[in-house]
Amino acid sequence: MKVLLGAFGDPGHAFPAIALGVALRSAGHDVVVETWQRWRPEVEAEGLTFAAAPEYDVFPTQGRHLKPYEAVARATVDTRPLVAELRPDVVVADILTLAPALAGELEGVPVATLIPHVDPRPAPGFPPYSVGARLPRTALGRAAWDTLAPLVRRGLVQGQGELNETRRRLGLPALGHLHGGISRRLCLVATFPQLEYPRPADTAPNTHVVGPLLWEPPTEDVPLDFGDPTLPLVLVAPSTAQDKTHRLLRAAIAGLADLPVRVLVTTNRRALTDPVPELGANTRLVDWVSYARTMPHCDVVVTHVGHGTMVRALASGCAVVAVPAAGDMNENAARVSWAGAGVRLPRRLCTPAAVRLAVGRALEQPGLRERARELRAWIDTADSGARGVALIEALARDTPSGLPALDTAPPPAPKTR
């Protein structure tokens, strides 16, 4: 096959797409990855073909605003020639990257969606995505959340209208269902099934939870020969994008200084603008670590719970102390707590004393690390990449290649005001 993968350029989206690309290449397929220019060296180092994705700022640019769906329309126009030239058997588009999916549809190519985190679509009884609430355990709790369903649906209907307007501009027909940016032919959810709330099949048609798709750029090993090697090792892995003042890093350094543990703290290459607390004798501060090679030696990972960091910790058998900072981190914290593999600490309680208590709980309650080790055992046998490849191959077989493109030409890029 020839496969075009389109991915948003943030690491949490680009890395799973690259992992899927590596799996496809290993299966003998030709893969082009369209993502941000910053990842060209890494993509090409993996033997994949790189294509630069259009990068539009949806914030004020040159004194003008570019609305998100205006950016999608422009990016689709820019991406369509790539699809037309490549003639891929399948386009796999990241959930935040609609342009390759729409360009594939215009060119008559089957399209799949990659969701590189838990499935955000609602279902009866679910709390709204990203509020950080766990799945209710009682019928009364489910009924309470259902009272918010009309409000959630209102937002989804608004998004449906914006997407259909974009489709109209491109010459595509309107869709009558919600979540039109997610393919109904094939959707790959790249997370642990143990983190997914049970849902009716009709809320997510042709959706497969394949397991985490893990990849990271190559980097040097960080020596772990510090402190007493018999003590548990705690990794403090803050977000690369959130918590600009390093609140979590500072709280962890101060709170864990006198615990009977070894503490490895990484800044994730984000400058420390103010002095950090004095490092305890059990603590080492570094600029960057390989999660893939470091986490298997750890017992607990303290993190803002970006999805990639969370699933890497669980895949390494580590209990998670989840201190969400923003966005879907609240959802990830709820899921890892619900799955019984971590401790959740609200951001407002991110203090040295609270971090110390949370890490102590993660170490003292054996069930948390036992659950994490169960997830590690699951992913060791699941082969998420191979499962994703098999599903993409099946989609290509079910759809004849070379389908005619829609008999419409895209209009000029929409003007901004």
Protein backbone atom coordinates (compact mmCIF):
# COMPACT_ATOMS: atom_id res chain seq x y z
CA MET A 1 0.00 0.00 0.00
CA LYS A 2 0.79 3.67 -0.20
CA VAL A 3 -0.42 5.41 2.95
CA LEU A 4 -0.59 9.12 3.72
CA LEU A 5 -0.51 9.94 7.43
CA GLY A 6 -1.51 13.46 8.44
CA ALA A 7 -0.73 14.64 11.96
CA PHE A 8 -0.98 17.78 14.04
CA GLY A 9 2.53 18.89 14.98
CA ASP A 10 2.36 18.78 18.78
CA PRO A 11 4.32 15.79 20.16
CA GLY A 12 1.16 14.19 21.57
CA HIS A 13 -0.20 13.93 18.03
CA ALA A 14 2.92 13.68 15.86
CA PHE A 15 4.60 10.90 17.86
CA PRO A 16 1.72 8.36 17.62
CA ALA A 17 1.47 9.06 13.89
CA ILE A 18 5.19 8.41 13.47
CA ALA A 19 4.83 5.20 15.49
CA LEU A 20 2.04 4.08 13.17
CA GLY A 21 4.17 5.02 10.17
CA VAL A 22 7.04 2.90 11.45
CA ALA A 23 4.67 -0.06 11.91
CA LEU A 24 3.32 0.38 8.38
CA ARG A 25 6.84 0.59 6.94
CA SER A 26 7.85 -2.54 8.85
CA ALA A 27 4.89 -4.30 7.20
CA GLY A 28 6.25 -3.38 3.78
CA HIS A 29 4.11 -0.34 2.94
CA ASP A 30 5.20 3.03 1.54
CA VAL A 31 4.39 5.81 4.01
CA VAL A 32 4.29 9.57 3.67
CA VAL A 33 3.91 11.57 6.88
CA GLU A 34 2.51 15.07 6.52
CA THR A 35 3.16 17.06 9.67
CA TRP A 36 4.96 20.17 10.84
CA GLN A 37 8.41 20.97 9.46
CA ARG A 38 10.03 20.57 12.88
CA TRP A 39 9.69 16.77 12.66
CA ARG A 40 11.28 16.31 9.20
CA PRO A 41 14.63 14.92 10.50
CA GLU A 42 12.91 12.41 12.81
CA VAL A 43 10.44 11.26 10.15
CA GLU A 44 13.14 10.76 7.55
CA ALA A 45 15.44 9.02 10.05
CA GLU A 46 12.73 6.37 10.43
CA GLY A 47 12.78 5.68 6.68
CA LEU A 48 9.49 7.47 6.07
CA THR A 49 8.81 10.14 3.45
CA PHE A 50 8.18 13.60 4.87
CA ALA A 51 5.69 16.15 3.53
CA ALA A 52 5.40 19.57 5.14
CA ALA A 53 1.89 20.24 6.44
CA PRO A 54 0.39 23.70 5.97
CA GLU A 55 0.83 25.60 9.24
CA TYR A 56 -1.72 28.30 9.86
CA ASP A 57 -1.94 30.42 12.97
CA VAL A 58 -5.56 30.50 14.10
CA PHE A 59 -4.70 33.37 16.41
CA PRO A 60 -4.28 37.01 15.28
CA THR A 61 -1.89 37.02 12.31
CA GLN A 62 -0.72 40.24 10.70
CA GLY A 63 -3.55 42.02 12.42
CA ARG A 64 -6.22 39.60 11.12
CA HIS A 65 -7.97 36.60 12.62
CA LEU A 66 -8.03 33.26 10.82
CA LYS A 67 -10.88 31.14 12.13
CA PRO A 68 -10.10 27.45 12.68
CA TYR A 69 -12.36 26.21 9.91
CA GLU A 70 -10.99 28.85 7.51
CA ALA A 71 -7.57 27.38 8.24
CA VAL A 72 -8.94 23.89 7.52
CA ALA A 73 -10.34 25.00 4.15
CA ARG A 74 -7.05 26.62 3.17
CA ALA A 75 -5.01 23.62 4.33
CA THR A 76 -7.26 21.26 2.36
CA VAL A 77 -6.69 23.24 -0.82
CA ASP A 78 -2.93 23.09 -0.16
CA THR A 79 -2.96 19.37 0.67
CA ARG A 80 -5.14 18.15 -2.19
CA PRO A 81 -2.31 18.27 -4.80
CA LEU A 82 -0.21 15.98 -2.58
CA VAL A 83 -3.03 13.44 -2.40
CA ALA A 84 -3.67 13.71 -6.13
CA GLU A 85 0.00 13.12 -6.93
CA LEU A 86 0.57 10.38 -4.38
CA ARG A 87 -2.70 8.50 -5.04
CA PRO A 88 -2.50 6.69 -1.69
CA ASP A 89 -4.56 3.61 -0.99
CA VAL A 90 -5.55 5.08 2.38
CA VAL A 91 -5.34 8.43 4.16
CA VAL A 92 -5.05 8.27 7.94
CA ALA A 93 -5.68 11.67 9.50
CA ASP A 94 -5.11 12.71 13.08
CA ILE A 95 -8.26 13.87 14.88
CA LEU A 96 -6.96 17.47 14.87
CA THR A 97 -5.85 17.35 11.22
CA LEU A 98 -8.88 17.55 8.94
CA ALA A 99 -7.13 18.74 5.78
CA PRO A 100 -5.70 15.35 4.69
CA ALA A 101 -9.05 13.69 5.42
CA LEU A 102 -11.01 16.22 3.36
CA ALA A 103 -8.43 16.16 0.56
CA GLY A 104 -8.61 12.36 0.56
CA GLU A 105 -12.39 12.51 0.31
CA LEU A 106 -12.15 14.95 -2.60
CA GLU A 107 -9.78 12.57 -4.38
CA GLY A 108 -11.89 9.48 -3.74
CA VAL A 109 -9.44 7.87 -1.29
CA PRO A 110 -10.71 5.96 1.77
CA VAL A 111 -10.04 7.86 4.98
CA ALA A 112 -9.37 6.64 8.51
CA THR A 113 -9.01 8.70 11.69
CA LEU A 114 -6.34 8.33 14.35
CA ILE A 115 -7.30 9.47 17.86
CA PRO A 116 -4.01 9.58 19.81
CA HIS A 117 -5.69 9.64 23.23
CA VAL A 118 -8.90 8.46 24.84
CA ASP A 119 -12.02 8.76 22.71
CA PRO A 120 -13.58 12.20 23.35
CA ARG A 121 -17.05 11.38 22.01
CA PRO A 122 -19.82 11.42 24.62
CA ALA A 123 -22.16 8.57 25.49
CA PRO A 124 -25.16 8.25 27.82
CA GLY A 125 -24.12 8.71 31.44
CA PHE A 126 -20.65 10.02 30.59
CA PRO A 127 -19.41 13.22 32.19
CA PRO A 128 -18.45 15.88 29.62
CA TYR A 129 -15.02 15.25 28.16
CA SER A 130 -12.09 17.02 29.87
CA VAL A 131 -13.96 18.19 32.98
CA GLY A 132 -11.97 15.64 34.97
CA ALA A 133 -14.89 13.67 36.42
CA ARG A 134 -14.79 9.90 36.65
CA LEU A 135 -17.46 7.63 35.20
CA PRO A 136 -20.32 7.48 37.74
CA ARG A 137 -20.92 4.18 39.51
CA THR A 138 -24.68 4.52 40.01
CA ALA A 139 -27.76 5.09 37.87
CA LEU A 140 -28.37 8.32 39.79
CA GLY A 141 -24.89 9.58 38.91
CA ARG A 142 -25.36 8.72 35.24
CA ALA A 143 -28.72 10.47 35.22
CA ALA A 144 -27.15 13.56 36.75
CA TRP A 145 -24.57 13.81 33.99
CA ASP A 146 -27.27 13.23 31.37
CA THR A 147 -28.87 16.50 32.42
CA LEU A 148 -25.90 18.24 30.76
CA ALA A 149 -26.30 16.31 27.50
CA PRO A 150 -28.36 19.07 25.78
CA LEU A 151 -25.63 21.62 26.55
CA VAL A 152 -22.92 19.32 25.19
CA ARG A 153 -24.99 18.57 22.12
CA ARG A 154 -25.47 22.27 21.47
CA GLY A 155 -21.72 22.71 21.16
CA LEU A 156 -21.44 19.65 18.93
CA VAL A 157 -24.19 20.94 16.64
CA GLN A 158 -22.34 24.25 16.34
CA GLY A 159 -19.20 22.37 15.35
CA GLN A 160 -21.21 20.33 12.85
CA GLY A 161 -22.43 23.52 11.22
CA GLU A 162 -18.91 24.95 10.97
CA LEU A 163 -17.58 21.74 9.47
CA ASN A 164 -20.43 21.52 6.96
CA GLU A 165 -19.80 25.12 5.91
CA THR A 166 -16.17 24.18 5.29
CA ARG A 167 -17.28 21.13 3.32
CA ARG A 168 -19.59 23.34 1.27
CA ARG A 169 -16.73 25.68 0.40
CA LEU A 170 -14.70 22.69 -0.77
CA GLY A 171 -17.53 21.20 -2.83
CA LEU A 172 -18.28 18.34 -0.45
CA PRO A 173 -21.78 17.37 0.70
CA ALA A 174 -22.97 18.19 4.20
CA LEU A 175 -22.95 15.46 6.83
CA GLY A 176 -26.06 14.70 8.84
CA HIS A 177 -24.26 13.26 11.86
CA LEU A 178 -22.19 14.78 14.64
CA HIS A 179 -18.42 14.24 14.96
CA GLY A 180 -18.09 14.51 11.19
CA GLY A 181 -14.34 14.97 11.51
CA ILE A 182 -14.00 11.36 12.69
CA SER A 183 -14.21 8.70 10.00
CA ARG A 184 -17.15 6.31 10.25
CA ARG A 185 -15.28 3.81 8.09
CA LEU A 186 -12.33 3.32 10.45
CA CYS A 187 -11.26 5.06 13.63
CA LEU A 188 -8.16 3.96 15.54
CA VAL A 189 -8.04 4.97 19.22
CA ALA A 190 -4.44 4.78 20.39
CA THR A 191 -4.85 4.28 24.11
CA PHE A 192 -5.17 1.45 26.59
CA PRO A 193 -8.61 -0.18 26.43
CA GLN A 194 -8.42 -0.23 30.23
CA LEU A 195 -8.67 3.59 30.15
CA GLU A 196 -11.78 3.63 27.96
CA TYR A 197 -15.18 3.93 29.59
CA PRO A 198 -17.59 1.23 28.34
CA ARG A 199 -19.85 2.69 25.67
CA PRO A 200 -22.62 1.49 23.33
CA ALA A 201 -21.20 0.54 19.93
CA ASP A 202 -23.51 2.94 18.09
CA THR A 203 -21.84 5.95 19.74
CA ALA A 204 -18.55 5.13 17.99
CA PRO A 205 -19.09 3.11 14.79
CA ASN A 206 -16.14 1.17 13.31
CA THR A 207 -13.93 2.29 16.17
CA HIS A 208 -11.09 0.11 17.42
CA VAL A 209 -9.03 0.73 20.56
CA VAL A 210 -5.67 -0.58 19.37
CA GLY A 211 -3.53 0.41 22.34
CA PRO A 212 -0.93 3.19 22.70
CA LEU A 213 1.27 3.97 19.70
CA LEU A 214 4.58 4.80 21.36
CA TRP A 215 7.54 6.61 19.77
CA GLU A 216 10.06 9.16 20.93
CA PRO A 217 13.02 10.94 19.35
CA PRO A 218 16.40 9.29 19.99
CA THR A 219 18.31 10.76 22.90
CA GLU A 220 21.18 9.97 25.25
CA ASP A 221 20.70 7.78 28.32
CA VAL A 222 20.72 9.48 31.73
CA PRO A 223 22.74 7.51 34.31
CA LEU A 224 20.63 6.33 37.23
CA ASP A 225 23.54 5.46 39.51
CA PHE A 226 22.76 7.99 42.23
CA GLY A 227 21.50 7.49 45.77
CA ASP A 228 20.69 4.15 47.36
CA PRO A 229 19.85 1.71 44.50
CA THR A 230 17.59 -0.29 46.82
CA LEU A 231 15.17 2.64 47.20
CA PRO A 232 12.21 3.22 44.85
CA LEU A 233 12.87 5.55 41.91
CA VAL A 234 10.42 8.40 41.31
CA LEU A 235 10.53 10.27 37.99
CA VAL A 236 9.12 13.82 37.90
CA ALA A 237 8.16 14.46 34.27
CA PRO A 238 6.40 17.82 33.81
CA SER A 239 4.60 18.89 30.66
CA THR A 240 6.64 20.37 27.83
CA ALA A 241 3.95 22.98 27.16
CA GLN A 242 2.12 23.77 30.41
CA ASP A 243 3.07 25.05 33.89
CA LYS A 244 5.36 27.89 32.81
CA THR A 245 6.49 28.60 36.37
CA HIS A 246 7.46 24.95 36.99
CA ARG A 247 5.12 24.72 39.95
CA LEU A 248 4.99 20.93 39.86
CA LEU A 249 8.76 20.60 39.51
CA ARG A 250 9.38 22.89 42.48
CA ALA A 251 6.75 21.21 44.65
CA ALA A 252 8.18 17.77 43.89
CA ILE A 253 11.77 18.76 44.63
CA ALA A 254 10.78 20.28 47.97
CA GLY A 255 8.23 17.66 48.95
CA LEU A 256 10.25 14.55 48.12
CA ALA A 257 13.61 15.72 49.47
CA ASP A 258 13.50 13.65 52.66
CA LEU A 259 11.40 10.68 51.54
CA PRO A 260 13.17 7.30 51.41
CA VAL A 261 13.17 7.36 47.60
CA ARG A 262 15.43 8.42 44.75
CA VAL A 263 14.05 11.33 42.73
CA LEU A 264 14.92 12.05 39.10
CA VAL A 265 13.53 15.38 37.91
CA THR A 266 13.59 16.62 34.31
CA THR A 267 12.97 20.16 33.12
CA ASN A 268 12.05 18.80 29.66
CA ARG A 269 14.30 21.47 28.15
CA ARG A 270 12.29 24.31 29.57
CA ALA A 271 14.38 27.04 31.17
CA LEU A 272 14.09 27.60 34.91
CA THR A 273 13.56 31.33 35.25
CA ASP A 274 13.77 31.37 39.05
CA PRO A 275 15.97 29.38 41.41
CA VAL A 276 14.61 25.96 42.33
CA PRO A 277 14.51 24.66 45.89
CA GLU A 278 17.74 23.16 47.18
CA LEU A 279 18.08 19.62 45.85
CA GLY A 280 17.91 16.88 48.45
CA ALA A 281 20.68 14.32 48.65
CA ASN A 282 18.27 11.86 47.01
CA THR A 283 17.46 14.11 44.04
CA ARG A 284 18.99 14.61 40.62
CA LEU A 285 17.86 17.36 38.21
CA VAL A 286 18.44 16.88 34.46
CA ASP A 287 17.41 18.68 31.29
CA TRP A 288 15.95 15.71 29.36
CA VAL A 289 15.48 11.97 29.69
CA SER A 290 14.42 9.15 27.41
CA TYR A 291 11.09 8.02 28.81
CA ALA A 292 11.32 4.74 26.94
CA ARG A 293 14.61 3.79 28.55
CA THR A 294 14.16 5.48 31.94
CA MET A 295 10.59 4.69 33.00
CA PRO A 296 11.08 0.88 33.05
CA HIS A 297 13.48 1.48 35.98
CA CYS A 298 10.99 3.67 37.87
CA ASP A 299 8.30 2.84 40.40
CA VAL A 300 6.26 6.06 40.21
CA VAL A 301 5.97 8.84 37.62
CA VAL A 302 4.78 12.28 38.74
CA THR A 303 3.39 14.11 35.72
CA HIS A 304 0.89 16.61 34.38
CA VAL A 305 -0.59 13.58 32.55
CA GLY A 306 -0.29 14.50 28.94
CA HIS A 307 -1.55 11.34 27.27
CA GLY A 308 1.80 10.32 25.81
CA THR A 309 3.61 10.57 29.14
CA MET A 310 0.79 8.80 30.98
CA VAL A 311 0.62 5.78 28.66
CA ARG A 312 4.41 5.51 28.49
CA ALA A 313 4.47 5.33 32.30
CA LEU A 314 1.74 2.67 32.36
CA ALA A 315 3.45 0.73 29.57
CA SER A 316 6.54 0.71 31.79
CA GLY A 317 4.61 -0.60 34.80
CA CYS A 318 4.79 2.64 36.79
CA ALA A 319 2.05 3.98 39.04
CA VAL A 320 1.12 7.54 38.07
CA VAL A 321 0.73 10.61 40.25
CA ALA A 322 -1.47 12.77 38.02
CA VAL A 323 -1.36 16.55 38.53
CA PRO A 324 -3.33 17.90 35.54
CA ALA A 325 -2.48 21.37 34.29
CA ALA A 326 -4.92 22.09 31.45
CA GLY A 327 -7.01 20.72 28.60
CA ASP A 328 -7.45 16.96 28.34
CA MET A 329 -5.01 16.40 31.21
CA ASN A 330 -8.00 16.53 33.57
CA GLU A 331 -9.61 13.74 31.56
CA ASN A 332 -6.41 11.68 31.61
CA ALA A 333 -6.14 12.09 35.38
CA ALA A 334 -9.71 10.85 35.79
CA ARG A 335 -9.08 7.85 33.53
CA VAL A 336 -5.89 6.68 35.24
CA SER A 337 -7.58 7.02 38.63
CA TRP A 338 -10.68 5.15 37.38
CA ALA A 339 -8.43 2.39 35.99
CA GLY A 340 -6.83 1.95 39.42
CA ALA A 341 -3.28 2.73 38.26
CA GLY A 342 -2.70 6.15 39.70
CA VAL A 343 -3.32 8.90 42.25
CA ARG A 344 -4.98 12.14 41.18
CA LEU A 345 -3.86 15.44 42.70
CA PRO A 346 -5.82 18.57 41.65
CA ARG A 347 -3.70 21.43 40.39
CA ARG A 348 -4.86 23.73 43.17
CA LEU A 349 -3.32 21.28 45.68
CA CYS A 350 0.06 21.11 43.96
CA THR A 351 2.14 21.83 47.05
CA PRO A 352 5.22 20.08 48.45
CA ALA A 353 3.18 18.45 51.21
CA ALA A 354 0.48 17.23 48.83
CA VAL A 355 2.95 15.82 46.30
CA ARG A 356 4.72 14.02 49.12
CA LEU A 357 1.45 12.48 50.30
CA ALA A 358 0.43 11.46 46.77
CA VAL A 359 3.77 9.78 46.05
CA GLY A 360 3.63 8.07 49.43
CA ARG A 361 0.19 6.70 48.60
CA ALA A 362 1.35 5.47 45.19
CA LEU A 363 4.18 3.58 46.86
CA GLU A 364 2.26 2.30 49.87
CA GLN A 365 -0.81 0.97 48.06
CA PRO A 366 0.46 -2.10 46.19
CA GLY A 367 -2.71 -2.36 44.12
CA LEU A 368 -1.77 0.74 42.13
CA ARG A 369 1.57 -0.63 40.95
CA GLU A 370 0.09 -4.07 40.45
CA ARG A 371 -2.49 -2.56 38.12
CA ALA A 372 0.22 -0.65 36.25
CA ARG A 373 2.17 -3.88 35.82
CA GLU A 374 -0.98 -5.51 34.41
CA LEU A 375 -1.13 -2.78 31.78
CA ARG A 376 2.54 -3.30 31.00
CA ALA A 377 1.88 -7.01 30.50
CA TRP A 378 -1.06 -6.20 28.23
CA ILE A 379 0.91 -3.91 25.93
CA ASP A 380 3.84 -6.33 25.82
CA THR A 381 1.58 -8.81 24.01
CA ALA A 382 -0.88 -6.50 22.24
CA ASP A 383 1.37 -5.05 19.47
CA SER A 384 -0.66 -1.89 18.95
CA GLY A 385 1.14 -0.98 15.75
CA ALA A 386 0.49 -4.32 14.10
CA ARG A 387 -3.19 -4.15 15.02
CA GLY A 388 -3.46 -0.67 13.53
CA VAL A 389 -1.73 -1.83 10.36
CA ALA A 390 -4.09 -4.81 9.97
CA LEU A 391 -7.14 -2.57 10.28
CA ILE A 392 -5.77 -0.09 7.72
CA GLU A 393 -4.99 -2.96 5.33
CA ALA A 394 -8.55 -4.23 5.73
CA LEU A 395 -9.92 -0.77 4.91
CA ALA A 396 -7.82 -0.64 1.74
CA ARG A 397 -8.99 -4.11 0.67
CA ASP A 398 -12.64 -3.23 1.16
CA THR A 399 -12.39 -0.14 -1.01
CA PRO A 400 -11.25 -0.39 -4.65
CA SER A 401 -8.23 1.80 -5.25
CA GLY A 402 -8.38 4.60 -7.77
CA LEU A 403 -11.91 5.74 -7.03
CA PRO A 404 -12.80 8.83 -9.07
CA ALA A 405 -12.53 12.15 -7.35
CA LEU A 406 -15.65 14.15 -6.68
CA ASP A 407 -16.55 16.17 -9.74
CA THR A 408 -15.96 19.49 -8.07
CA ALA A 409 -13.02 21.83 -7.89
CA PRO A 410 -12.13 23.49 -4.61
CA PRO A 411 -12.87 27.21 -4.50
CA PRO A 412 -10.12 29.76 -3.87
CA ALA A 413 -8.87 29.99 -0.31
CA PRO A 414 -11.38 31.90 1.83
CA LYS A 415 -10.55 35.52 2.49
CA THR A 416 -9.83 36.76 5.98
CA ARG A 417 -11.08 40.02 7.36
